[in-house]
Amino acid sequence: MIEFPQRWRIYAFIDSRGISVVEEWAQDIKRDKDLLARLNQKLDLLERHGSELPTGLLAGTKFKHVDKLKVFGRKTTWRFMVCKGPISKEFEFTLLYVAQEKDRKLIPLDAYKRADDNRQEIINNPARRKIHERIS
């Protein structure tokens, strides 16, 4: 029998209105199809391989529990802050925050802290996240 490795679940932090950080970002970029395809490709890899992604796709930050996925747009680079878990660190990641990068600096400057605050909010209230739904 062929055994397939378990897929990782991808969740997204939701605000008080029930809108995920990725849904809000997609509205901001006016649903740029090319950029959404690039994000979906990275998330597909994360779902299949978890933390075993090729070098450079998932990078650490100065916050212990926050990593970042880099997505290049036409003129802008985006950072998707993710964490393993935080409810179950086995086979799940949560998208915590989305920031823009310009001249090697994040916009907003406190993006990593915001991501970590969102992670803590999920730990305190697991209802502040939902399964990430692919946006096209």
C-alpha atoms as a PDB file:
ATOM      1  CA  MET A   1       0.000   0.000   0.000  1.00  0.00           C
ATOM      2  CA  ILE A   2       1.276   3.467  -0.850  1.00  0.00           C
ATOM      3  CA  GLU A   3       1.210   5.819   2.105  1.00  0.00           C
ATOM      4  CA  PHE A   4       0.919   9.518   1.496  1.00  0.00           C
ATOM      5  CA  PRO A   5       2.304  11.905   4.076  1.00  0.00           C
ATOM      6  CA  GLN A   6      -0.241  13.824   6.086  1.00  0.00           C
ATOM      7  CA  ARG A   7      -1.031  17.276   4.735  1.00  0.00           C
ATOM      8  CA  TRP A   8      -0.604  20.286   6.968  1.00  0.00           C
ATOM      9  CA  ARG A   9      -3.701  22.358   7.715  1.00  0.00           C
ATOM     10  CA  ILE A  10      -3.482  26.060   6.993  1.00  0.00           C
ATOM     11  CA  TYR A  11      -5.496  28.433   9.178  1.00  0.00           C
ATOM     12  CA  ALA A  12      -5.780  32.216   9.098  1.00  0.00           C
ATOM     13  CA  PHE A  13      -6.240  34.737  11.900  1.00  0.00           C
ATOM     14  CA  ILE A  14      -9.616  36.492  11.721  1.00  0.00           C
ATOM     15  CA  ASP A  15     -10.523  39.942  12.967  1.00  0.00           C
ATOM     16  CA  SER A  16     -13.585  40.782  15.068  1.00  0.00           C
ATOM     17  CA  ARG A  17     -15.688  40.923  11.866  1.00  0.00           C
ATOM     18  CA  GLY A  18     -14.702  37.361  10.911  1.00  0.00           C
ATOM     19  CA  ILE A  19     -12.482  38.480   8.003  1.00  0.00           C
ATOM     20  CA  SER A  20      -9.144  36.710   7.681  1.00  0.00           C
ATOM     21  CA  VAL A  21      -5.863  38.576   7.294  1.00  0.00           C
ATOM     22  CA  VAL A  22      -5.509  37.065   3.814  1.00  0.00           C
ATOM     23  CA  GLU A  23      -9.035  38.063   2.735  1.00  0.00           C
ATOM     24  CA  GLU A  24      -8.369  41.635   3.836  1.00  0.00           C
ATOM     25  CA  TRP A  25      -5.034  41.670   1.979  1.00  0.00           C
ATOM     26  CA  ALA A  26      -6.721  40.285  -1.169  1.00  0.00           C
ATOM     27  CA  GLN A  27      -9.182  43.196  -1.062  1.00  0.00           C
ATOM     28  CA  ASP A  28      -6.285  45.648  -0.688  1.00  0.00           C
ATOM     29  CA  ILE A  29      -4.497  44.276  -3.764  1.00  0.00           C
ATOM     30  CA  LYS A  30      -7.757  44.288  -5.720  1.00  0.00           C
ATOM     31  CA  ARG A  31      -7.496  40.532  -6.187  1.00  0.00           C
ATOM     32  CA  ASP A  32      -4.432  40.706  -8.454  1.00  0.00           C
ATOM     33  CA  LYS A  33      -4.638  37.247 -10.094  1.00  0.00           C
ATOM     34  CA  ASP A  34      -0.876  36.893 -10.586  1.00  0.00           C
ATOM     35  CA  LEU A  35      -0.094  37.767  -6.968  1.00  0.00           C
ATOM     36  CA  LEU A  36      -2.818  35.464  -5.652  1.00  0.00           C
ATOM     37  CA  ALA A  37      -1.406  32.624  -7.785  1.00  0.00           C
ATOM     38  CA  ARG A  38       2.050  33.204  -6.282  1.00  0.00           C
ATOM     39  CA  LEU A  39       0.616  33.115  -2.760  1.00  0.00           C
ATOM     40  CA  ASN A  40      -1.435  29.994  -3.493  1.00  0.00           C
ATOM     41  CA  GLN A  41       1.660  28.252  -4.855  1.00  0.00           C
ATOM     42  CA  LYS A  42       3.601  28.982  -1.633  1.00  0.00           C
ATOM     43  CA  LEU A  43       0.691  27.880   0.551  1.00  0.00           C
ATOM     44  CA  ASP A  44       0.340  24.654  -1.470  1.00  0.00           C
ATOM     45  CA  LEU A  45       4.010  23.918  -0.742  1.00  0.00           C
ATOM     46  CA  LEU A  46       3.506  24.713   2.951  1.00  0.00           C
ATOM     47  CA  GLU A  47       0.467  22.428   3.069  1.00  0.00           C
ATOM     48  CA  ARG A  48       2.378  19.558   1.429  1.00  0.00           C
ATOM     49  CA  HIS A  49       5.775  19.888   3.083  1.00  0.00           C
ATOM     50  CA  GLY A  50       5.228  21.826   6.320  1.00  0.00           C
ATOM     51  CA  SER A  51       8.454  23.157   7.801  1.00  0.00           C
ATOM     52  CA  GLU A  52      10.493  21.032   5.375  1.00  0.00           C
ATOM     53  CA  LEU A  53      10.209  23.653   2.629  1.00  0.00           C
ATOM     54  CA  PRO A  54      13.178  24.375   0.369  1.00  0.00           C
ATOM     55  CA  THR A  55      15.682  26.825   1.841  1.00  0.00           C
ATOM     56  CA  GLY A  56      14.551  30.433   1.789  1.00  0.00           C
ATOM     57  CA  LEU A  57      10.807  29.872   1.426  1.00  0.00           C
ATOM     58  CA  LEU A  58      10.041  29.881   5.143  1.00  0.00           C
ATOM     59  CA  ALA A  59      12.359  32.052   7.221  1.00  0.00           C
ATOM     60  CA  GLY A  60      12.537  32.841  10.904  1.00  0.00           C
ATOM     61  CA  THR A  61      12.088  36.273  12.465  1.00  0.00           C
ATOM     62  CA  LYS A  62      13.262  37.921  15.672  1.00  0.00           C
ATOM     63  CA  PHE A  63      10.067  36.578  17.280  1.00  0.00           C
ATOM     64  CA  LYS A  64      10.595  32.957  18.321  1.00  0.00           C
ATOM     65  CA  HIS A  65       7.202  31.644  17.180  1.00  0.00           C
ATOM     66  CA  VAL A  66       6.734  33.778  14.047  1.00  0.00           C
ATOM     67  CA  ASP A  67       8.130  32.820  10.638  1.00  0.00           C
ATOM     68  CA  LYS A  68       7.637  34.516   7.288  1.00  0.00           C
ATOM     69  CA  LEU A  69       6.781  33.477   3.761  1.00  0.00           C
ATOM     70  CA  LYS A  70       8.075  35.804   1.069  1.00  0.00           C
ATOM     71  CA  VAL A  71       5.820  36.516  -1.931  1.00  0.00           C
ATOM     72  CA  PHE A  72       7.103  38.717  -4.738  1.00  0.00           C
ATOM     73  CA  GLY A  73       4.640  40.893  -6.617  1.00  0.00           C
ATOM     74  CA  ARG A  74       5.299  42.985  -9.705  1.00  0.00           C
ATOM     75  CA  LYS A  75       6.420  46.036  -7.742  1.00  0.00           C
ATOM     76  CA  THR A  76       6.005  44.967  -4.141  1.00  0.00           C
ATOM     77  CA  THR A  77       7.304  42.207  -1.909  1.00  0.00           C
ATOM     78  CA  TRP A  78       4.908  40.831   0.683  1.00  0.00           C
ATOM     79  CA  ARG A  79       5.646  39.020   3.936  1.00  0.00           C
ATOM     80  CA  PHE A  80       3.088  36.564   5.245  1.00  0.00           C
ATOM     81  CA  MET A  81       3.738  35.973   8.939  1.00  0.00           C
ATOM     82  CA  VAL A  82       2.951  32.409   9.993  1.00  0.00           C
ATOM     83  CA  CYS A  83       3.363  30.221  13.033  1.00  0.00           C
ATOM     84  CA  LYS A  84       3.328  26.503  13.573  1.00  0.00           C
ATOM     85  CA  GLY A  85       0.129  25.757  15.472  1.00  0.00           C
ATOM     86  CA  PRO A  86      -0.449  27.558  17.802  1.00  0.00           C
ATOM     87  CA  ILE A  87      -3.247  25.268  19.026  1.00  0.00           C
ATOM     88  CA  SER A  88      -1.604  22.061  17.817  1.00  0.00           C
ATOM     89  CA  LYS A  89       1.952  22.210  16.553  1.00  0.00           C
ATOM     90  CA  GLU A  90       1.438  18.899  14.745  1.00  0.00           C
ATOM     91  CA  PHE A  91       0.495  19.429  11.115  1.00  0.00           C
ATOM     92  CA  GLU A  92      -0.917  22.955  11.238  1.00  0.00           C
ATOM     93  CA  PHE A  93       0.203  26.476  10.416  1.00  0.00           C
ATOM     94  CA  THR A  94      -1.653  29.742  10.962  1.00  0.00           C
ATOM     95  CA  LEU A  95      -1.333  32.863   8.815  1.00  0.00           C
ATOM     96  CA  LEU A  96      -1.084  35.672  11.353  1.00  0.00           C
ATOM     97  CA  TYR A  97      -0.408  38.925   9.531  1.00  0.00           C
ATOM     98  CA  VAL A  98       0.499  40.324   6.104  1.00  0.00           C
ATOM     99  CA  ALA A  99       3.047  43.117   5.676  1.00  0.00           C
ATOM    100  CA  GLN A 100       4.606  44.898   2.746  1.00  0.00           C
ATOM    101  CA  GLU A 101       8.377  45.130   2.408  1.00  0.00           C
ATOM    102  CA  LYS A 102      10.030  48.202   0.949  1.00  0.00           C
ATOM    103  CA  ASP A 103      13.767  48.949   1.007  1.00  0.00           C
ATOM    104  CA  ARG A 104      14.267  45.915   3.289  1.00  0.00           C
ATOM    105  CA  LYS A 105      11.879  47.386   5.897  1.00  0.00           C
ATOM    106  CA  LEU A 106       8.414  46.164   6.779  1.00  0.00           C
ATOM    107  CA  ILE A 107       5.316  48.305   6.495  1.00  0.00           C
ATOM    108  CA  PRO A 108       4.135  48.608   9.201  1.00  0.00           C
ATOM    109  CA  LEU A 109       7.392  48.538  11.139  1.00  0.00           C
ATOM    110  CA  ASP A 110       5.821  46.566  14.004  1.00  0.00           C
ATOM    111  CA  ALA A 111       4.482  43.793  11.728  1.00  0.00           C
ATOM    112  CA  TYR A 112       6.279  40.990  13.591  1.00  0.00           C
ATOM    113  CA  LYS A 113       4.876  42.199  16.912  1.00  0.00           C
ATOM    114  CA  ARG A 114       1.372  42.406  15.422  1.00  0.00           C
ATOM    115  CA  ALA A 115       1.761  38.843  14.147  1.00  0.00           C
ATOM    116  CA  ASP A 116       2.905  37.664  17.574  1.00  0.00           C
ATOM    117  CA  ASP A 117       0.009  39.515  19.237  1.00  0.00           C
ATOM    118  CA  ASN A 118      -2.398  37.749  16.850  1.00  0.00           C
ATOM    119  CA  ARG A 119      -0.775  34.402  17.710  1.00  0.00           C
ATOM    120  CA  GLN A 120      -1.307  35.099  21.409  1.00  0.00           C
ATOM    121  CA  GLU A 121      -4.913  36.108  20.717  1.00  0.00           C
ATOM    122  CA  ILE A 122      -5.497  32.719  19.048  1.00  0.00           C
ATOM    123  CA  ILE A 123      -3.977  30.900  22.033  1.00  0.00           C
ATOM    124  CA  ASN A 124      -6.362  32.810  24.324  1.00  0.00           C
ATOM    125  CA  ASN A 125      -9.337  32.400  21.968  1.00  0.00           C
ATOM    126  CA  PRO A 126      -9.058  29.672  19.288  1.00  0.00           C
ATOM    127  CA  ALA A 127     -12.212  31.046  17.616  1.00  0.00           C
ATOM    128  CA  ARG A 128     -10.011  33.898  16.278  1.00  0.00           C
ATOM    129  CA  ARG A 129      -8.854  31.710  13.404  1.00  0.00           C
ATOM    130  CA  LYS A 130     -10.454  29.656  10.677  1.00  0.00           C
ATOM    131  CA  ILE A 131      -9.334  27.230   7.983  1.00  0.00           C
ATOM    132  CA  HIS A 132      -7.722  29.268   5.198  1.00  0.00           C
ATOM    133  CA  GLU A 133      -9.819  29.214   2.049  1.00  0.00           C
ATOM    134  CA  ARG A 134      -8.018  29.616  -1.252  1.00  0.00           C
ATOM    135  CA  ILE A 135      -8.684  33.009  -2.857  1.00  0.00           C
ATOM    136  CA  SER A 136      -8.713  33.306  -6.627  1.00  0.00           C
END
